[in-house]
Amino acid sequence: MDVTPTLSLFDDAYKSGTAPWVIGEPQPAIVGLERAGLIRGAVLDVGCGAGEHTILLAGLGYDVLGVDYAPSAVEHARRNAEVKRVEARFEVADAMDLGEAAYGTIVDSALFHIFDQTDRTRYVRSLHAACRPGGQVHVLALSDRGRGFGPQVSESDIGDAFGDGWVLESLEETTYRGIVQPAQADAIGSAPGTLVDEPAWLARIRRP
């Protein structure tokens, strides 16, 4: 990203119901992580949005907290949890200040890729502080091989960001599911409202 989008952009997207990443279900790639046994210990769902992943994991018995910088996202997530009758915890929090070494697993679904270079450095530093030694961060980010569904990053963007103080254990191609909005229709080549699976990266990074 050239410039990190403003908070108001995300807050307005939740208020207007036009967030293309709100699909009413967890991302298949995140479901796959849980099924593979890669979610361990206390879990932080950073940039939780509408709360699908926090709700999924809380329903399965994980100790999980969902946080988002947009108050309207947290409100949306709490309503979703109530509708699904799942006791899930959500808080408004700044991804640049996530606290100290509390989590064995941190899940980032489509947050890393929104940051510009300066903010990306700050964000990764915050992740390092929040992740326990031996813990893992899972990053699902739109790939630069995509059609412009949203902000995109390259393989090297991820590798460079998680350098000193991290071990990049895997970086795989996967997909990210979203709903095409009118502004994206021409780039994607699909009508607004279409559910699409776009190229993405799934990274597993360990804090030694």
Protein backbone atom coordinates (compact mmCIF):
# COMPACT_ATOMS: atom_id res chain seq x y z
CA MET A 1 0.00 0.00 0.00
CA ASP A 2 1.15 3.54 -0.75
CA VAL A 3 -0.85 5.02 2.13
CA THR A 4 -2.67 3.21 4.95
CA PRO A 5 -6.45 3.77 4.59
CA THR A 6 -8.09 5.95 7.22
CA LEU A 7 -10.09 4.59 10.13
CA SER A 8 -13.21 6.32 8.80
CA LEU A 9 -13.09 4.25 5.61
CA PHE A 10 -13.45 1.04 7.62
CA ASP A 11 -15.92 2.46 10.13
CA ASP A 12 -18.13 3.72 7.29
CA ALA A 13 -17.95 0.38 5.46
CA TYR A 14 -19.39 -1.44 8.48
CA LYS A 15 -22.04 1.21 9.08
CA SER A 16 -23.18 1.13 5.44
CA GLY A 17 -22.92 -2.64 5.03
CA THR A 18 -20.56 -2.31 2.06
CA ALA A 19 -17.47 -4.05 3.47
CA PRO A 20 -16.46 -6.55 0.76
CA TRP A 21 -14.67 -8.72 3.30
CA VAL A 22 -17.82 -9.37 5.37
CA ILE A 23 -19.05 -12.64 3.88
CA GLY A 24 -21.06 -14.02 6.80
CA GLU A 25 -18.69 -16.90 7.42
CA PRO A 26 -15.03 -17.54 8.30
CA GLN A 27 -12.39 -17.53 5.60
CA PRO A 28 -11.78 -21.10 4.36
CA ALA A 29 -8.04 -20.63 4.87
CA ILE A 30 -8.56 -19.85 8.57
CA VAL A 31 -10.91 -22.81 8.99
CA GLY A 32 -8.15 -24.93 7.48
CA LEU A 33 -5.62 -23.71 10.05
CA GLU A 34 -7.86 -24.80 12.90
CA ARG A 35 -8.53 -28.19 11.35
CA ALA A 36 -4.79 -28.69 10.89
CA GLY A 37 -4.19 -28.12 14.60
CA LEU A 38 -2.31 -24.86 14.08
CA ILE A 39 -4.32 -22.76 16.52
CA ARG A 40 -2.82 -23.17 20.00
CA GLY A 41 -2.93 -21.45 23.35
CA ALA A 42 -4.54 -18.09 23.93
CA VAL A 43 -5.60 -16.59 20.59
CA LEU A 44 -5.75 -13.01 19.34
CA ASP A 45 -7.85 -12.30 16.24
CA VAL A 46 -6.38 -8.96 15.21
CA GLY A 47 -8.46 -6.84 12.85
CA CYS A 48 -11.37 -9.13 13.66
CA GLY A 49 -13.91 -7.19 11.62
CA ALA A 50 -17.37 -8.74 11.86
CA GLY A 51 -15.97 -11.39 14.19
CA GLU A 52 -16.38 -14.54 12.11
CA HIS A 53 -13.07 -16.06 13.18
CA THR A 54 -13.39 -15.14 16.84
CA ILE A 55 -16.89 -16.63 16.89
CA LEU A 56 -15.67 -19.79 15.13
CA LEU A 57 -12.85 -20.33 17.59
CA ALA A 58 -14.83 -19.37 20.70
CA GLY A 59 -17.52 -21.84 19.66
CA LEU A 60 -14.86 -24.55 19.45
CA GLY A 61 -13.66 -23.80 22.99
CA TYR A 62 -10.58 -21.66 22.32
CA ASP A 63 -9.58 -18.80 24.62
CA VAL A 64 -9.82 -16.06 21.99
CA LEU A 65 -10.12 -12.28 21.89
CA GLY A 66 -11.14 -10.37 18.77
CA VAL A 67 -9.91 -6.79 18.41
CA ASP A 68 -10.48 -4.11 15.80
CA TYR A 69 -9.66 -0.42 15.56
CA ALA A 70 -13.09 0.40 14.07
CA PRO A 71 -15.77 0.71 16.77
CA SER A 72 -18.50 -0.16 14.27
CA ALA A 73 -16.70 -3.42 13.47
CA VAL A 74 -16.67 -4.42 17.13
CA GLU A 75 -20.36 -3.56 17.45
CA HIS A 76 -21.08 -5.68 14.37
CA ALA A 77 -19.05 -8.57 15.79
CA ARG A 78 -20.87 -8.48 19.11
CA ARG A 79 -24.24 -8.57 17.33
CA ASN A 80 -23.08 -11.52 15.24
CA ALA A 81 -22.04 -13.42 18.34
CA GLU A 82 -25.40 -12.77 19.97
CA VAL A 83 -27.28 -13.98 16.88
CA LYS A 84 -25.17 -17.14 16.76
CA ARG A 85 -25.47 -17.60 20.54
CA VAL A 86 -21.73 -17.86 21.02
CA GLU A 87 -20.00 -16.24 23.99
CA ALA A 88 -17.19 -14.34 22.30
CA ARG A 89 -15.03 -11.44 23.51
CA PHE A 90 -14.37 -8.34 21.44
CA GLU A 91 -12.58 -5.08 22.17
CA VAL A 92 -11.68 -1.90 20.32
CA ALA A 93 -7.89 -1.84 20.14
CA ASP A 94 -5.03 -0.36 18.13
CA ALA A 95 -3.06 -2.93 16.13
CA MET A 96 0.02 -0.78 16.69
CA ASP A 97 -0.20 -1.37 20.45
CA LEU A 98 -1.34 -4.93 21.17
CA GLY A 99 0.27 -5.36 24.56
CA GLU A 100 2.93 -7.69 25.89
CA ALA A 101 3.51 -11.42 25.22
CA ALA A 102 0.02 -12.72 25.96
CA TYR A 103 -0.83 -14.91 22.97
CA GLY A 104 0.27 -18.29 21.67
CA THR A 105 -1.47 -17.72 18.34
CA ILE A 106 -2.29 -14.50 16.51
CA VAL A 107 -4.59 -14.61 13.49
CA ASP A 108 -4.44 -11.79 10.94
CA SER A 109 -7.04 -12.12 8.20
CA ALA A 110 -6.65 -9.24 5.71
CA LEU A 111 -5.07 -6.70 8.04
CA PHE A 112 -1.36 -6.84 7.18
CA HIS A 113 -1.99 -5.91 3.54
CA ILE A 114 -3.73 -2.59 4.33
CA PHE A 115 -0.64 -0.97 5.85
CA ASP A 116 1.88 1.23 4.09
CA GLN A 117 5.57 0.52 4.65
CA THR A 118 5.95 2.68 7.75
CA ASP A 119 2.84 1.34 9.44
CA ARG A 120 3.70 -2.22 8.45
CA THR A 121 6.96 -1.95 10.39
CA ARG A 122 5.13 -0.63 13.44
CA TYR A 123 2.47 -3.32 13.16
CA VAL A 124 4.96 -6.19 12.98
CA ARG A 125 6.76 -4.76 16.00
CA SER A 126 3.45 -4.75 17.87
CA LEU A 127 2.79 -8.37 16.85
CA HIS A 128 6.20 -9.36 18.18
CA ALA A 129 5.43 -7.77 21.54
CA ALA A 130 2.03 -9.49 21.78
CA CYS A 131 3.18 -12.95 20.70
CA ARG A 132 4.65 -15.26 23.31
CA PRO A 133 8.08 -16.78 22.62
CA GLY A 134 7.42 -19.91 20.60
CA GLY A 135 4.03 -18.56 19.50
CA GLN A 136 2.87 -18.20 15.93
CA VAL A 137 1.33 -15.50 13.78
CA HIS A 138 -0.82 -16.55 10.81
CA VAL A 139 -1.19 -13.91 8.11
CA LEU A 140 -3.79 -14.19 5.34
CA ALA A 141 -3.17 -11.38 2.84
CA LEU A 142 -4.30 -10.62 -0.70
CA SER A 143 -1.64 -11.53 -3.25
CA ASP A 144 -0.14 -9.23 -5.89
CA ARG A 145 -1.25 -11.90 -8.38
CA GLY A 146 -4.87 -10.87 -7.83
CA ARG A 147 -7.25 -8.75 -9.88
CA GLY A 148 -7.48 -5.73 -7.61
CA PHE A 149 -10.06 -6.87 -5.05
CA GLY A 150 -8.22 -4.84 -2.43
CA PRO A 151 -4.73 -3.91 -1.24
CA GLN A 152 -2.22 -6.52 -2.38
CA VAL A 153 1.22 -7.59 -1.20
CA SER A 154 4.00 -9.67 -2.67
CA GLU A 155 5.79 -12.68 -1.28
CA SER A 156 8.80 -10.50 -0.57
CA ASP A 157 6.66 -7.91 1.25
CA ILE A 158 5.79 -10.55 3.82
CA GLY A 159 9.27 -12.03 4.01
CA ASP A 160 10.91 -8.63 4.42
CA ALA A 161 8.44 -7.49 7.09
CA PHE A 162 9.01 -10.57 9.24
CA GLY A 163 12.80 -10.52 9.30
CA ASP A 164 14.81 -10.08 12.49
CA GLY A 165 13.14 -11.60 15.52
CA TRP A 166 10.97 -14.01 13.51
CA VAL A 167 11.16 -17.36 11.75
CA LEU A 168 9.08 -17.59 8.57
CA GLU A 169 7.98 -21.23 8.75
CA SER A 170 5.80 -21.33 5.64
CA LEU A 171 4.41 -19.06 2.95
CA GLU A 172 1.82 -20.67 0.72
CA GLU A 173 -0.57 -19.64 -2.04
CA THR A 174 -4.22 -19.79 -1.07
CA THR A 175 -7.40 -17.79 -1.67
CA TYR A 176 -9.30 -15.03 0.08
CA ARG A 177 -13.10 -14.94 -0.22
CA GLY A 178 -15.00 -11.69 -0.63
CA ILE A 179 -18.07 -10.05 -2.10
CA VAL A 180 -17.62 -7.87 -5.19
CA GLN A 181 -18.70 -4.25 -4.67
CA PRO A 182 -19.72 -1.88 -7.52
CA ALA A 183 -16.34 -0.11 -7.46
CA GLN A 184 -14.56 -3.45 -7.95
CA ALA A 185 -16.80 -4.97 -10.62
CA ASP A 186 -14.79 -3.89 -13.67
CA ALA A 187 -11.44 -4.96 -12.23
CA ILE A 188 -12.77 -8.33 -11.08
CA GLY A 189 -14.96 -8.93 -14.12
CA SER A 190 -17.91 -10.02 -11.98
CA ALA A 191 -21.21 -8.40 -11.09
CA PRO A 192 -21.62 -6.64 -7.73
CA GLY A 193 -22.71 -9.07 -5.05
CA THR A 194 -20.77 -11.98 -6.54
CA LEU A 195 -18.81 -14.14 -4.11
CA VAL A 196 -15.25 -14.57 -5.38
CA ASP A 197 -12.09 -16.34 -4.27
CA GLU A 198 -9.05 -14.16 -4.97
CA PRO A 199 -5.35 -15.14 -4.87
CA ALA A 200 -3.82 -14.71 -1.43
CA TRP A 201 -0.83 -15.62 0.70
CA LEU A 202 -1.01 -17.62 3.90
CA ALA A 203 2.07 -17.16 6.05
CA ARG A 204 2.98 -18.93 9.28
CA ILE A 205 5.55 -17.01 11.30
CA ARG A 206 7.02 -18.05 14.64
CA ARG A 207 8.51 -15.85 17.34
CA PRO A 208 11.58 -17.77 18.63
